[in-house]
Amino acid sequence: MSWRMPAETARHERTWMAFPSGGPTLGETAAEREEAYAAWTAVAHAVAEFEPVTMLVDPGERERAARMLGDGVAQVEAPVDEYWMRDHGPTFVVDDERPGVLGAVDWTFNGWGDHAWSEWRKSAEHARIIAELVGAELVSSALVNEGGGIHVDGEGTVLLTDTVQLDPRRNPYADRARVEAEMARTIGATKAVWLPRGLTRDYDEFGTNGHVDIVATLAAPGRMLLHRQDSAEHPDFEVTRELRELLSEQTDVTGRRFEILDLPAPAAVRDDDGLVDWSYVNHLVVNGGVIACGFGDERADAAARDILEAAYPGRRAVTVDARPLFARGGGIHCITQQQPEVAR
């Protein structure tokens, strides 16, 4: 078998999500919990304007999900603790030698390094549950990894981060060679581009330790979108410039250097919890569109939409307020997972 992870720009069958269900992410007050439910719902409805959405719903949230999601979002009952579908759900792959065959990579998931606060054992089964639902062949992996920790161009290039795949809380015995071999086996990526680190806030207690999907993405083969922090008050001012310098010297699987397009951060530097990691890189590409993160900064939000529409010709960018998501540790890309369309 020769598995390959298609680019996010490839046509989708649907997008998968998980409805919030308890735990520290949801919030301590009723208002905070309602904010979380509303944020996940808003993203689902935005995606559903472009392609089908299926939401895994914990039995305890069935009535709330039905009321909030309505008929426009399909709902499947399954146990849920964590609800960041990108990370604990399947990474879908295809086999170019067997048209019509869909694969689902089941990474080992341990709650981003088995933190004391993470509740992950139910959602660690989501890849298997979804694979069975869609009739995909399961591709099991012993590598502790999350979907937000990789980005691909669909041709064999993958973006990785030293502090994620080589995190001793995830893979204490891994090195770059072992990770790269597993990327080649599971998603068909034969050229790894390693980032040394992610954004500053992502190393806080509730961070992922450097997920690439908040820093950089491959809009097309040879074309990279990169987060840029323009405030010298923010440590990511230096971080993003150092990353740009490093990535400008890197090449993809074909040997070409990347065309790097900057996605400037919104003006805000802090929120109630400290330095923000608000990033427009954490968008989702859908059929005919792009679901973009919004941060209540009208000028920056509009500029991001313009950049995204130029980077993805023929797609319409729409903004969904992502501040409630980022306050809980992620963004729009983090709570969604695309299922590529395969020939029938």
C-alpha atoms as a PDB file:
ATOM      1  CA  MET A   1       0.000   0.000   0.000  1.00  0.00           C
ATOM      2  CA  SER A   2       1.101   3.525  -0.751  1.00  0.00           C
ATOM      3  CA  TRP A   3      -0.802   5.957   1.447  1.00  0.00           C
ATOM      4  CA  ARG A   4      -0.809   9.688   0.731  1.00  0.00           C
ATOM      5  CA  MET A   5      -2.396  12.507   2.661  1.00  0.00           C
ATOM      6  CA  PRO A   6      -4.060  14.863   0.168  1.00  0.00           C
ATOM      7  CA  ALA A   7      -3.626  18.599   0.512  1.00  0.00           C
ATOM      8  CA  GLU A   8      -6.393  20.346   2.407  1.00  0.00           C
ATOM      9  CA  THR A   9      -7.285  22.063  -0.860  1.00  0.00           C
ATOM     10  CA  ALA A  10      -8.311  18.727  -2.413  1.00  0.00           C
ATOM     11  CA  ARG A  11     -12.062  18.196  -2.690  1.00  0.00           C
ATOM     12  CA  HIS A  12     -13.726  17.132   0.577  1.00  0.00           C
ATOM     13  CA  GLU A  13     -16.431  14.574   1.198  1.00  0.00           C
ATOM     14  CA  ARG A  14     -17.206  16.263   4.515  1.00  0.00           C
ATOM     15  CA  THR A  15     -15.741  17.842   7.641  1.00  0.00           C
ATOM     16  CA  TRP A  16     -15.756  16.078  11.020  1.00  0.00           C
ATOM     17  CA  MET A  17     -16.096  17.782  14.410  1.00  0.00           C
ATOM     18  CA  ALA A  18     -16.866  16.856  18.039  1.00  0.00           C
ATOM     19  CA  PHE A  19     -19.413  18.716  20.168  1.00  0.00           C
ATOM     20  CA  PRO A  20     -18.116  20.072  23.511  1.00  0.00           C
ATOM     21  CA  SER A  21     -18.763  17.885  26.529  1.00  0.00           C
ATOM     22  CA  GLY A  22     -17.554  18.866  29.990  1.00  0.00           C
ATOM     23  CA  GLY A  23     -13.940  19.048  31.117  1.00  0.00           C
ATOM     24  CA  PRO A  24     -11.689  22.028  31.848  1.00  0.00           C
ATOM     25  CA  THR A  25     -11.884  23.349  28.283  1.00  0.00           C
ATOM     26  CA  LEU A  26     -15.588  24.048  28.548  1.00  0.00           C
ATOM     27  CA  GLY A  27     -15.324  26.688  31.276  1.00  0.00           C
ATOM     28  CA  GLU A  28     -16.089  27.133  34.955  1.00  0.00           C
ATOM     29  CA  THR A  29     -19.216  29.297  34.715  1.00  0.00           C
ATOM     30  CA  ALA A  30     -22.489  28.836  32.864  1.00  0.00           C
ATOM     31  CA  ALA A  31     -21.645  31.804  30.643  1.00  0.00           C
ATOM     32  CA  GLU A  32     -18.260  30.335  29.740  1.00  0.00           C
ATOM     33  CA  ARG A  33     -19.816  26.987  28.930  1.00  0.00           C
ATOM     34  CA  GLU A  34     -22.456  28.581  26.719  1.00  0.00           C
ATOM     35  CA  GLU A  35     -19.711  30.526  24.947  1.00  0.00           C
ATOM     36  CA  ALA A  36     -17.933  27.265  24.111  1.00  0.00           C
ATOM     37  CA  TYR A  37     -21.063  25.565  22.795  1.00  0.00           C
ATOM     38  CA  ALA A  38     -21.832  28.631  20.674  1.00  0.00           C
ATOM     39  CA  ALA A  39     -18.304  28.829  19.249  1.00  0.00           C
ATOM     40  CA  TRP A  40     -18.228  25.193  18.117  1.00  0.00           C
ATOM     41  CA  THR A  41     -21.733  25.611  16.688  1.00  0.00           C
ATOM     42  CA  ALA A  42     -20.797  28.765  14.765  1.00  0.00           C
ATOM     43  CA  VAL A  43     -17.866  26.996  13.095  1.00  0.00           C
ATOM     44  CA  ALA A  44     -20.044  24.002  12.189  1.00  0.00           C
ATOM     45  CA  HIS A  45     -22.674  26.230  10.589  1.00  0.00           C
ATOM     46  CA  ALA A  46     -20.037  28.192   8.653  1.00  0.00           C
ATOM     47  CA  VAL A  47     -18.484  25.007   7.259  1.00  0.00           C
ATOM     48  CA  ALA A  48     -21.921  23.579   6.433  1.00  0.00           C
ATOM     49  CA  GLU A  49     -22.480  26.451   3.994  1.00  0.00           C
ATOM     50  CA  PHE A  50     -19.765  24.878   1.827  1.00  0.00           C
ATOM     51  CA  GLU A  51     -19.775  21.127   2.535  1.00  0.00           C
ATOM     52  CA  PRO A  52     -21.408  18.486   4.754  1.00  0.00           C
ATOM     53  CA  VAL A  53     -20.482  18.441   8.446  1.00  0.00           C
ATOM     54  CA  THR A  54     -20.758  15.465  10.794  1.00  0.00           C
ATOM     55  CA  MET A  55     -20.492  16.072  14.535  1.00  0.00           C
ATOM     56  CA  LEU A  56     -19.675  13.412  17.117  1.00  0.00           C
ATOM     57  CA  VAL A  57     -21.911  14.060  20.115  1.00  0.00           C
ATOM     58  CA  ASP A  58     -21.558  12.602  23.584  1.00  0.00           C
ATOM     59  CA  PRO A  59     -24.795  10.960  24.815  1.00  0.00           C
ATOM     60  CA  GLY A  60     -25.015  13.543  27.601  1.00  0.00           C
ATOM     61  CA  GLU A  61     -25.050  16.402  25.088  1.00  0.00           C
ATOM     62  CA  ARG A  62     -27.482  14.918  22.587  1.00  0.00           C
ATOM     63  CA  GLU A  63     -30.404  17.264  23.297  1.00  0.00           C
ATOM     64  CA  ARG A  64     -28.282  20.423  23.417  1.00  0.00           C
ATOM     65  CA  ALA A  65     -26.474  19.507  20.195  1.00  0.00           C
ATOM     66  CA  ALA A  66     -29.721  18.793  18.368  1.00  0.00           C
ATOM     67  CA  ARG A  67     -31.152  22.144  19.488  1.00  0.00           C
ATOM     68  CA  MET A  68     -28.093  24.217  18.627  1.00  0.00           C
ATOM     69  CA  LEU A  69     -26.874  22.468  15.476  1.00  0.00           C
ATOM     70  CA  GLY A  70     -30.265  21.908  13.858  1.00  0.00           C
ATOM     71  CA  ASP A  71     -30.834  19.825  10.761  1.00  0.00           C
ATOM     72  CA  GLY A  72     -27.916  21.284   8.809  1.00  0.00           C
ATOM     73  CA  VAL A  73     -25.258  19.337  10.711  1.00  0.00           C
ATOM     74  CA  ALA A  74     -25.345  15.527  10.882  1.00  0.00           C
ATOM     75  CA  GLN A  75     -24.912  14.150  14.393  1.00  0.00           C
ATOM     76  CA  VAL A  76     -23.488  10.783  15.460  1.00  0.00           C
ATOM     77  CA  GLU A  77     -23.551   9.642  19.069  1.00  0.00           C
ATOM     78  CA  ALA A  78     -20.165   8.642  20.518  1.00  0.00           C
ATOM     79  CA  PRO A  79     -18.302   9.119  23.815  1.00  0.00           C
ATOM     80  CA  VAL A  80     -16.502  12.490  23.911  1.00  0.00           C
ATOM     81  CA  ASP A  81     -14.113  14.004  26.434  1.00  0.00           C
ATOM     82  CA  GLU A  82     -11.715  16.153  24.379  1.00  0.00           C
ATOM     83  CA  TYR A  83     -13.292  17.882  21.367  1.00  0.00           C
ATOM     84  CA  TRP A  84     -10.368  19.109  19.277  1.00  0.00           C
ATOM     85  CA  MET A  85     -11.127  16.824  16.343  1.00  0.00           C
ATOM     86  CA  ARG A  86      -8.026  17.744  14.358  1.00  0.00           C
ATOM     87  CA  ASP A  87      -5.860  16.214  17.046  1.00  0.00           C
ATOM     88  CA  HIS A  88      -7.624  13.065  18.216  1.00  0.00           C
ATOM     89  CA  GLY A  89      -9.623  12.254  15.094  1.00  0.00           C
ATOM     90  CA  PRO A  90      -8.320  10.400  12.050  1.00  0.00           C
ATOM     91  CA  THR A  91      -5.908  11.844   9.524  1.00  0.00           C
ATOM     92  CA  PHE A  92      -7.388  10.709   6.233  1.00  0.00           C
ATOM     93  CA  VAL A  93      -5.225   9.302   3.455  1.00  0.00           C
ATOM     94  CA  VAL A  94      -5.765   7.851  -0.015  1.00  0.00           C
ATOM     95  CA  ASP A  95      -3.992   5.128  -1.980  1.00  0.00           C
ATOM     96  CA  ASP A  96      -3.214   6.261  -5.517  1.00  0.00           C
ATOM     97  CA  GLU A  97      -2.669   2.633  -6.528  1.00  0.00           C
ATOM     98  CA  ARG A  98      -6.188   1.710  -5.405  1.00  0.00           C
ATOM     99  CA  PRO A  99      -8.671   4.348  -6.572  1.00  0.00           C
ATOM    100  CA  GLY A 100     -11.658   4.723  -4.296  1.00  0.00           C
ATOM    101  CA  VAL A 101      -9.871   3.432  -1.189  1.00  0.00           C
ATOM    102  CA  LEU A 102      -9.864   5.710   1.849  1.00  0.00           C
ATOM    103  CA  GLY A 103      -7.490   5.242   4.771  1.00  0.00           C
ATOM    104  CA  ALA A 104      -7.627   6.721   8.267  1.00  0.00           C
ATOM    105  CA  VAL A 105      -4.411   7.161  10.244  1.00  0.00           C
ATOM    106  CA  ASP A 106      -4.967   6.467  13.927  1.00  0.00           C
ATOM    107  CA  TRP A 107      -2.114   8.304  15.629  1.00  0.00           C
ATOM    108  CA  THR A 108      -1.529   7.462  19.259  1.00  0.00           C
ATOM    109  CA  PHE A 109      -3.144  10.306  21.209  1.00  0.00           C
ATOM    110  CA  ASN A 110      -2.232  11.038  24.826  1.00  0.00           C
ATOM    111  CA  GLY A 111      -3.731  14.463  25.411  1.00  0.00           C
ATOM    112  CA  TRP A 112      -0.816  16.499  24.005  1.00  0.00           C
ATOM    113  CA  GLY A 113       1.662  14.848  26.355  1.00  0.00           C
ATOM    114  CA  ASP A 114      -0.616  13.357  29.038  1.00  0.00           C
ATOM    115  CA  HIS A 115      -1.036  16.550  31.040  1.00  0.00           C
ATOM    116  CA  ALA A 116      -2.773  16.356  34.401  1.00  0.00           C
ATOM    117  CA  TRP A 117      -5.657  18.421  33.017  1.00  0.00           C
ATOM    118  CA  SER A 118      -6.241  16.558  29.759  1.00  0.00           C
ATOM    119  CA  GLU A 119      -9.132  14.106  29.539  1.00  0.00           C
ATOM    120  CA  TRP A 120      -8.420  12.130  26.405  1.00  0.00           C
ATOM    121  CA  ARG A 121      -9.150   8.432  26.737  1.00  0.00           C
ATOM    122  CA  LYS A 122     -12.627   8.540  25.190  1.00  0.00           C
ATOM    123  CA  SER A 123     -11.651  10.762  22.280  1.00  0.00           C
ATOM    124  CA  ALA A 124      -8.552   8.672  21.605  1.00  0.00           C
ATOM    125  CA  GLU A 125     -11.022   6.175  20.106  1.00  0.00           C
ATOM    126  CA  HIS A 126     -12.498   8.658  17.622  1.00  0.00           C
ATOM    127  CA  ALA A 127     -10.196   7.716  14.754  1.00  0.00           C
ATOM    128  CA  ARG A 128     -11.343   4.102  14.966  1.00  0.00           C
ATOM    129  CA  ILE A 129     -14.987   5.061  15.377  1.00  0.00           C
ATOM    130  CA  ILE A 130     -14.957   7.379  12.370  1.00  0.00           C
ATOM    131  CA  ALA A 131     -12.946   4.956  10.227  1.00  0.00           C
ATOM    132  CA  GLU A 132     -15.609   2.328  10.789  1.00  0.00           C
ATOM    133  CA  LEU A 133     -18.426   4.799  10.076  1.00  0.00           C
ATOM    134  CA  VAL A 134     -16.979   5.784   6.687  1.00  0.00           C
ATOM    135  CA  GLY A 135     -15.572   2.390   5.723  1.00  0.00           C
ATOM    136  CA  ALA A 136     -11.964   3.533   5.772  1.00  0.00           C
ATOM    137  CA  GLU A 137      -9.012   1.206   6.227  1.00  0.00           C
ATOM    138  CA  LEU A 138      -7.406   1.873   9.592  1.00  0.00           C
ATOM    139  CA  VAL A 139      -3.715   2.799   9.494  1.00  0.00           C
ATOM    140  CA  SER A 140      -2.498   2.330  13.063  1.00  0.00           C
ATOM    141  CA  SER A 141       0.523   4.239  14.321  1.00  0.00           C
ATOM    142  CA  ALA A 142       2.479   3.970  17.554  1.00  0.00           C
ATOM    143  CA  LEU A 143       3.724   7.549  17.060  1.00  0.00           C
ATOM    144  CA  VAL A 144       2.152  10.019  19.475  1.00  0.00           C
ATOM    145  CA  ASN A 145       1.060  12.775  17.141  1.00  0.00           C
ATOM    146  CA  GLU A 146      -1.849  15.080  16.456  1.00  0.00           C
ATOM    147  CA  GLY A 147      -3.350  16.351  13.227  1.00  0.00           C
ATOM    148  CA  GLY A 148      -2.565  19.927  14.263  1.00  0.00           C
ATOM    149  CA  GLY A 149       1.095  18.983  14.452  1.00  0.00           C
ATOM    150  CA  ILE A 150       1.428  18.412  10.692  1.00  0.00           C
ATOM    151  CA  HIS A 151       0.680  20.201   7.446  1.00  0.00           C
ATOM    152  CA  VAL A 152       1.203  18.702   3.974  1.00  0.00           C
ATOM    153  CA  ASP A 153       1.204  19.865   0.368  1.00  0.00           C
ATOM    154  CA  GLY A 154      -0.235  16.597  -0.954  1.00  0.00           C
ATOM    155  CA  GLU A 155       2.898  15.900  -2.987  1.00  0.00           C
ATOM    156  CA  GLY A 156       5.143  14.532  -0.251  1.00  0.00           C
ATOM    157  CA  THR A 157       6.159  17.542   1.857  1.00  0.00           C
ATOM    158  CA  VAL A 158       5.235  17.710   5.555  1.00  0.00           C
ATOM    159  CA  LEU A 159       5.808  20.457   8.127  1.00  0.00           C
ATOM    160  CA  LEU A 160       6.782  19.238  11.618  1.00  0.00           C
ATOM    161  CA  THR A 161       8.016  20.794  14.875  1.00  0.00           C
ATOM    162  CA  ASP A 162      10.881  19.554  17.037  1.00  0.00           C
ATOM    163  CA  THR A 163       8.984  20.341  20.235  1.00  0.00           C
ATOM    164  CA  VAL A 164       5.915  18.325  19.183  1.00  0.00           C
ATOM    165  CA  GLN A 165       6.948  15.070  17.523  1.00  0.00           C
ATOM    166  CA  LEU A 166      10.169  14.927  19.585  1.00  0.00           C
ATOM    167  CA  ASP A 167       8.459  15.975  22.830  1.00  0.00           C
ATOM    168  CA  PRO A 168       9.644  13.506  25.519  1.00  0.00           C
ATOM    169  CA  ARG A 169       6.119  13.499  26.984  1.00  0.00           C
ATOM    170  CA  ARG A 170       4.899  12.188  23.643  1.00  0.00           C
ATOM    171  CA  ASN A 171       7.714  10.195  22.069  1.00  0.00           C
ATOM    172  CA  PRO A 172      10.619   9.810  24.526  1.00  0.00           C
ATOM    173  CA  TYR A 173      12.563   7.475  22.243  1.00  0.00           C
ATOM    174  CA  ALA A 174      11.966   9.190  18.906  1.00  0.00           C
ATOM    175  CA  ASP A 175      14.433  11.050  16.766  1.00  0.00           C
ATOM    176  CA  ARG A 176      13.934  12.855  13.479  1.00  0.00           C
ATOM    177  CA  ALA A 177      14.757   9.797  11.392  1.00  0.00           C
ATOM    178  CA  ARG A 178      12.163   7.637  13.145  1.00  0.00           C
ATOM    179  CA  VAL A 179       9.486  10.317  12.862  1.00  0.00           C
ATOM    180  CA  GLU A 180      10.248  10.875   9.187  1.00  0.00           C
ATOM    181  CA  ALA A 181      10.071   7.143   8.465  1.00  0.00           C
ATOM    182  CA  GLU A 182       6.627   7.002  10.104  1.00  0.00           C
ATOM    183  CA  MET A 183       5.465  10.033   8.118  1.00  0.00           C
ATOM    184  CA  ALA A 184       6.498   8.285   4.920  1.00  0.00           C
ATOM    185  CA  ARG A 185       4.691   5.074   5.911  1.00  0.00           C
ATOM    186  CA  THR A 186       1.450   6.640   7.092  1.00  0.00           C
ATOM    187  CA  ILE A 187       0.875   9.795   5.031  1.00  0.00           C
ATOM    188  CA  GLY A 188       3.329   9.397   2.152  1.00  0.00           C
ATOM    189  CA  ALA A 189       5.468  12.380   3.146  1.00  0.00           C
ATOM    190  CA  THR A 190       9.070  11.844   2.053  1.00  0.00           C
ATOM    191  CA  LYS A 191      10.383  15.369   2.705  1.00  0.00           C
ATOM    192  CA  ALA A 192      10.085  16.783   6.218  1.00  0.00           C
ATOM    193  CA  VAL A 193      10.583  20.462   6.941  1.00  0.00           C
ATOM    194  CA  TRP A 194      11.279  20.875  10.661  1.00  0.00           C
ATOM    195  CA  LEU A 195      10.424  24.016  12.590  1.00  0.00           C
ATOM    196  CA  PRO A 196      12.444  24.407  15.803  1.00  0.00           C
ATOM    197  CA  ARG A 197       9.483  25.752  17.790  1.00  0.00           C
ATOM    198  CA  GLY A 198       5.981  27.215  17.711  1.00  0.00           C
ATOM    199  CA  LEU A 199       4.376  30.377  19.130  1.00  0.00           C
ATOM    200  CA  THR A 200       5.071  31.553  22.665  1.00  0.00           C
ATOM    201  CA  ARG A 201       1.682  31.006  24.276  1.00  0.00           C
ATOM    202  CA  ASP A 202       1.531  27.481  22.891  1.00  0.00           C
ATOM    203  CA  TYR A 203       4.100  26.550  25.562  1.00  0.00           C
ATOM    204  CA  ASP A 204       1.801  27.578  28.427  1.00  0.00           C
ATOM    205  CA  GLU A 205       0.160  24.954  30.624  1.00  0.00           C
ATOM    206  CA  PHE A 206      -2.736  24.419  28.240  1.00  0.00           C
ATOM    207  CA  GLY A 207      -0.694  24.651  25.036  1.00  0.00           C
ATOM    208  CA  THR A 208       0.280  21.988  22.529  1.00  0.00           C
ATOM    209  CA  ASN A 209       4.024  22.708  22.733  1.00  0.00           C
ATOM    210  CA  GLY A 210       4.332  24.048  19.212  1.00  0.00           C
ATOM    211  CA  HIS A 211       1.649  22.862  16.788  1.00  0.00           C
ATOM    212  CA  VAL A 212       2.510  23.964  13.287  1.00  0.00           C
ATOM    213  CA  ASP A 213      -1.092  24.694  12.272  1.00  0.00           C
ATOM    214  CA  ILE A 214      -1.022  27.960  14.188  1.00  0.00           C
ATOM    215  CA  VAL A 215       2.321  28.983  12.673  1.00  0.00           C
ATOM    216  CA  ALA A 216       2.560  27.913   9.026  1.00  0.00           C
ATOM    217  CA  THR A 217       0.597  26.076   6.361  1.00  0.00           C
ATOM    218  CA  LEU A 218       1.123  25.043   2.756  1.00  0.00           C
ATOM    219  CA  ALA A 219      -1.486  26.817   0.637  1.00  0.00           C
ATOM    220  CA  ALA A 220      -0.171  25.081  -2.475  1.00  0.00           C
ATOM    221  CA  PRO A 221       2.956  23.156  -3.426  1.00  0.00           C
ATOM    222  CA  GLY A 222       5.811  25.602  -3.004  1.00  0.00           C
ATOM    223  CA  ARG A 223       3.635  28.271  -1.340  1.00  0.00           C
ATOM    224  CA  MET A 224       3.651  28.791   2.423  1.00  0.00           C
ATOM    225  CA  LEU A 225       1.466  31.014   4.582  1.00  0.00           C
ATOM    226  CA  LEU A 226       3.343  32.142   7.696  1.00  0.00           C
ATOM    227  CA  HIS A 227       2.173  33.904  10.852  1.00  0.00           C
ATOM    228  CA  ARG A 228       3.779  37.311  11.404  1.00  0.00           C
ATOM    229  CA  GLN A 229       3.687  39.208  14.686  1.00  0.00           C
ATOM    230  CA  ASP A 230       4.341  42.912  14.124  1.00  0.00           C
ATOM    231  CA  SER A 231       4.366  44.137  17.717  1.00  0.00           C
ATOM    232  CA  ALA A 232       7.843  44.363  19.207  1.00  0.00           C
ATOM    233  CA  GLU A 233       6.161  44.038  22.627  1.00  0.00           C
ATOM    234  CA  HIS A 234       5.377  40.399  21.834  1.00  0.00           C
ATOM    235  CA  PRO A 235       8.084  37.690  21.975  1.00  0.00           C
ATOM    236  CA  ASP A 236       6.625  36.234  18.774  1.00  0.00           C
ATOM    237  CA  PHE A 237       7.944  39.330  16.999  1.00  0.00           C
ATOM    238  CA  GLU A 238      11.368  37.693  17.128  1.00  0.00           C
ATOM    239  CA  VAL A 239      10.063  34.120  16.899  1.00  0.00           C
ATOM    240  CA  THR A 240       8.232  34.684  13.619  1.00  0.00           C
ATOM    241  CA  ARG A 241      11.145  36.521  12.047  1.00  0.00           C
ATOM    242  CA  GLU A 242      13.545  33.768  12.977  1.00  0.00           C
ATOM    243  CA  LEU A 243      11.148  31.180  11.564  1.00  0.00           C
ATOM    244  CA  ARG A 244      10.800  33.151   8.341  1.00  0.00           C
ATOM    245  CA  GLU A 245      14.567  33.327   7.935  1.00  0.00           C
ATOM    246  CA  LEU A 246      14.906  29.588   8.511  1.00  0.00           C
ATOM    247  CA  LEU A 247      11.988  28.587   6.278  1.00  0.00           C
ATOM    248  CA  SER A 248      13.120  30.833   3.439  1.00  0.00           C
ATOM    249  CA  GLU A 249      16.141  28.541   3.098  1.00  0.00           C
ATOM    250  CA  GLN A 250      14.123  25.313   3.127  1.00  0.00           C
ATOM    251  CA  THR A 251      12.940  23.362   0.092  1.00  0.00           C
ATOM    252  CA  ASP A 252       9.971  21.111  -0.592  1.00  0.00           C
ATOM    253  CA  VAL A 253       9.933  17.559  -1.923  1.00  0.00           C
ATOM    254  CA  THR A 254      10.736  18.776  -5.448  1.00  0.00           C
ATOM    255  CA  GLY A 255      13.719  20.859  -4.300  1.00  0.00           C
ATOM    256  CA  ARG A 256      12.137  24.296  -4.806  1.00  0.00           C
ATOM    257  CA  ARG A 257      12.321  26.994  -2.173  1.00  0.00           C
ATOM    258  CA  PHE A 258       9.085  28.191  -0.653  1.00  0.00           C
ATOM    259  CA  GLU A 259       7.275  31.334  -1.694  1.00  0.00           C
ATOM    260  CA  ILE A 260       6.386  32.703   1.741  1.00  0.00           C
ATOM    261  CA  LEU A 261       3.250  34.826   2.172  1.00  0.00           C
ATOM    262  CA  ASP A 262       2.949  36.622   5.513  1.00  0.00           C
ATOM    263  CA  LEU A 263      -0.307  36.570   7.484  1.00  0.00           C
ATOM    264  CA  PRO A 264       0.043  39.483   9.935  1.00  0.00           C
ATOM    265  CA  ALA A 265      -1.430  39.006  13.405  1.00  0.00           C
ATOM    266  CA  PRO A 266      -4.221  41.269  14.672  1.00  0.00           C
ATOM    267  CA  ALA A 267      -3.203  44.313  16.696  1.00  0.00           C
ATOM    268  CA  ALA A 268      -4.030  42.880  20.137  1.00  0.00           C
ATOM    269  CA  VAL A 269      -1.045  41.597  22.081  1.00  0.00           C
ATOM    270  CA  ARG A 270      -2.765  40.381  25.253  1.00  0.00           C
ATOM    271  CA  ASP A 271      -6.046  38.957  26.473  1.00  0.00           C
ATOM    272  CA  ASP A 272      -7.220  38.208  30.028  1.00  0.00           C
ATOM    273  CA  ASP A 273      -4.797  35.287  30.266  1.00  0.00           C
ATOM    274  CA  GLY A 274      -1.658  36.981  28.955  1.00  0.00           C
ATOM    275  CA  LEU A 275       0.119  37.129  25.609  1.00  0.00           C
ATOM    276  CA  VAL A 276      -2.121  35.996  22.753  1.00  0.00           C
ATOM    277  CA  ASP A 277      -1.284  33.539  19.989  1.00  0.00           C
ATOM    278  CA  TRP A 278      -4.091  34.800  17.734  1.00  0.00           C
ATOM    279  CA  SER A 279      -3.230  33.585  14.255  1.00  0.00           C
ATOM    280  CA  TYR A 280      -4.985  33.669  10.901  1.00  0.00           C
ATOM    281  CA  VAL A 281      -2.912  30.662   9.836  1.00  0.00           C
ATOM    282  CA  ASN A 282      -5.317  28.464  11.801  1.00  0.00           C
ATOM    283  CA  HIS A 283      -7.997  28.521   9.085  1.00  0.00           C
ATOM    284  CA  LEU A 284      -9.820  25.631   7.409  1.00  0.00           C
ATOM    285  CA  VAL A 285      -9.927  25.246   3.630  1.00  0.00           C
ATOM    286  CA  VAL A 286     -13.294  23.886   2.477  1.00  0.00           C
ATOM    287  CA  ASN A 287     -14.954  23.221  -0.878  1.00  0.00           C
ATOM    288  CA  GLY A 288     -15.125  26.636  -2.522  1.00  0.00           C
ATOM    289  CA  GLY A 289     -14.172  28.542   0.594  1.00  0.00           C
ATOM    290  CA  VAL A 290     -11.928  29.260   3.556  1.00  0.00           C
ATOM    291  CA  ILE A 291     -13.224  29.465   7.129  1.00  0.00           C
ATOM    292  CA  ALA A 292     -11.055  32.168   8.658  1.00  0.00           C
ATOM    293  CA  CYS A 293     -10.444  33.023  12.290  1.00  0.00           C
ATOM    294  CA  GLY A 294     -11.724  36.422  13.408  1.00  0.00           C
ATOM    295  CA  PHE A 295     -10.462  38.395  16.389  1.00  0.00           C
ATOM    296  CA  GLY A 296     -12.733  41.426  16.565  1.00  0.00           C
ATOM    297  CA  ASP A 297     -10.174  43.533  14.669  1.00  0.00           C
ATOM    298  CA  GLU A 298     -12.111  44.632  11.608  1.00  0.00           C
ATOM    299  CA  ARG A 299      -9.123  45.887   9.654  1.00  0.00           C
ATOM    300  CA  ALA A 300      -6.892  42.877  10.372  1.00  0.00           C
ATOM    301  CA  ASP A 301      -9.724  40.391   9.840  1.00  0.00           C
ATOM    302  CA  ALA A 302     -10.497  41.912   6.434  1.00  0.00           C
ATOM    303  CA  ALA A 303      -6.818  41.962   5.443  1.00  0.00           C
ATOM    304  CA  ALA A 304      -6.531  38.294   6.365  1.00  0.00           C
ATOM    305  CA  ARG A 305      -9.533  37.418   4.213  1.00  0.00           C
ATOM    306  CA  ASP A 306      -7.923  39.213   1.267  1.00  0.00           C
ATOM    307  CA  ILE A 307      -4.638  37.338   1.731  1.00  0.00           C
ATOM    308  CA  LEU A 308      -6.407  33.994   2.073  1.00  0.00           C
ATOM    309  CA  GLU A 309      -8.537  34.529  -1.030  1.00  0.00           C
ATOM    310  CA  ALA A 310      -5.396  35.443  -2.995  1.00  0.00           C
ATOM    311  CA  ALA A 311      -3.569  32.378  -1.651  1.00  0.00           C
ATOM    312  CA  TYR A 312      -6.498  30.083  -2.507  1.00  0.00           C
ATOM    313  CA  PRO A 313      -7.822  31.372  -5.855  1.00  0.00           C
ATOM    314  CA  GLY A 314     -11.507  30.772  -6.484  1.00  0.00           C
ATOM    315  CA  ARG A 315     -12.425  30.361  -2.808  1.00  0.00           C
ATOM    316  CA  ARG A 316     -14.470  32.766  -0.700  1.00  0.00           C
ATOM    317  CA  ALA A 317     -13.162  33.527   2.787  1.00  0.00           C
ATOM    318  CA  VAL A 318     -15.648  33.935   5.634  1.00  0.00           C
ATOM    319  CA  THR A 319     -14.768  34.953   9.183  1.00  0.00           C
ATOM    320  CA  VAL A 320     -15.927  33.279  12.389  1.00  0.00           C
ATOM    321  CA  ASP A 321     -15.021  34.785  15.764  1.00  0.00           C
ATOM    322  CA  ALA A 322     -12.270  32.511  17.048  1.00  0.00           C
ATOM    323  CA  ARG A 323     -11.479  34.271  20.316  1.00  0.00           C
ATOM    324  CA  PRO A 324     -13.511  31.788  22.399  1.00  0.00           C
ATOM    325  CA  LEU A 325     -11.582  28.954  20.728  1.00  0.00           C
ATOM    326  CA  PHE A 326      -8.151  30.493  21.266  1.00  0.00           C
ATOM    327  CA  ALA A 327      -9.025  31.210  24.896  1.00  0.00           C
ATOM    328  CA  ARG A 328      -9.451  27.441  25.246  1.00  0.00           C
ATOM    329  CA  GLY A 329      -6.230  26.493  23.479  1.00  0.00           C
ATOM    330  CA  GLY A 330      -6.883  26.335  19.735  1.00  0.00           C
ATOM    331  CA  GLY A 331      -8.648  27.681  16.682  1.00  0.00           C
ATOM    332  CA  ILE A 332     -10.874  26.743  13.776  1.00  0.00           C
ATOM    333  CA  HIS A 333      -8.393  24.325  12.207  1.00  0.00           C
ATOM    334  CA  CYS A 334      -7.961  22.615  15.573  1.00  0.00           C
ATOM    335  CA  ILE A 335     -11.622  21.649  15.966  1.00  0.00           C
ATOM    336  CA  THR A 336     -12.186  20.379  12.418  1.00  0.00           C
ATOM    337  CA  GLN A 337     -10.894  17.496  10.291  1.00  0.00           C
ATOM    338  CA  GLN A 338     -11.504  17.152   6.576  1.00  0.00           C
ATOM    339  CA  GLN A 339     -12.369  13.861   4.884  1.00  0.00           C
ATOM    340  CA  PRO A 340     -11.129  13.895   1.281  1.00  0.00           C
ATOM    341  CA  GLU A 341     -13.390  12.836  -1.533  1.00  0.00           C
ATOM    342  CA  VAL A 342     -12.387   9.595  -3.230  1.00  0.00           C
ATOM    343  CA  ALA A 343     -13.513   8.185  -6.551  1.00  0.00           C
ATOM    344  CA  ARG A 344     -16.432   5.794  -6.235  1.00  0.00           C
END
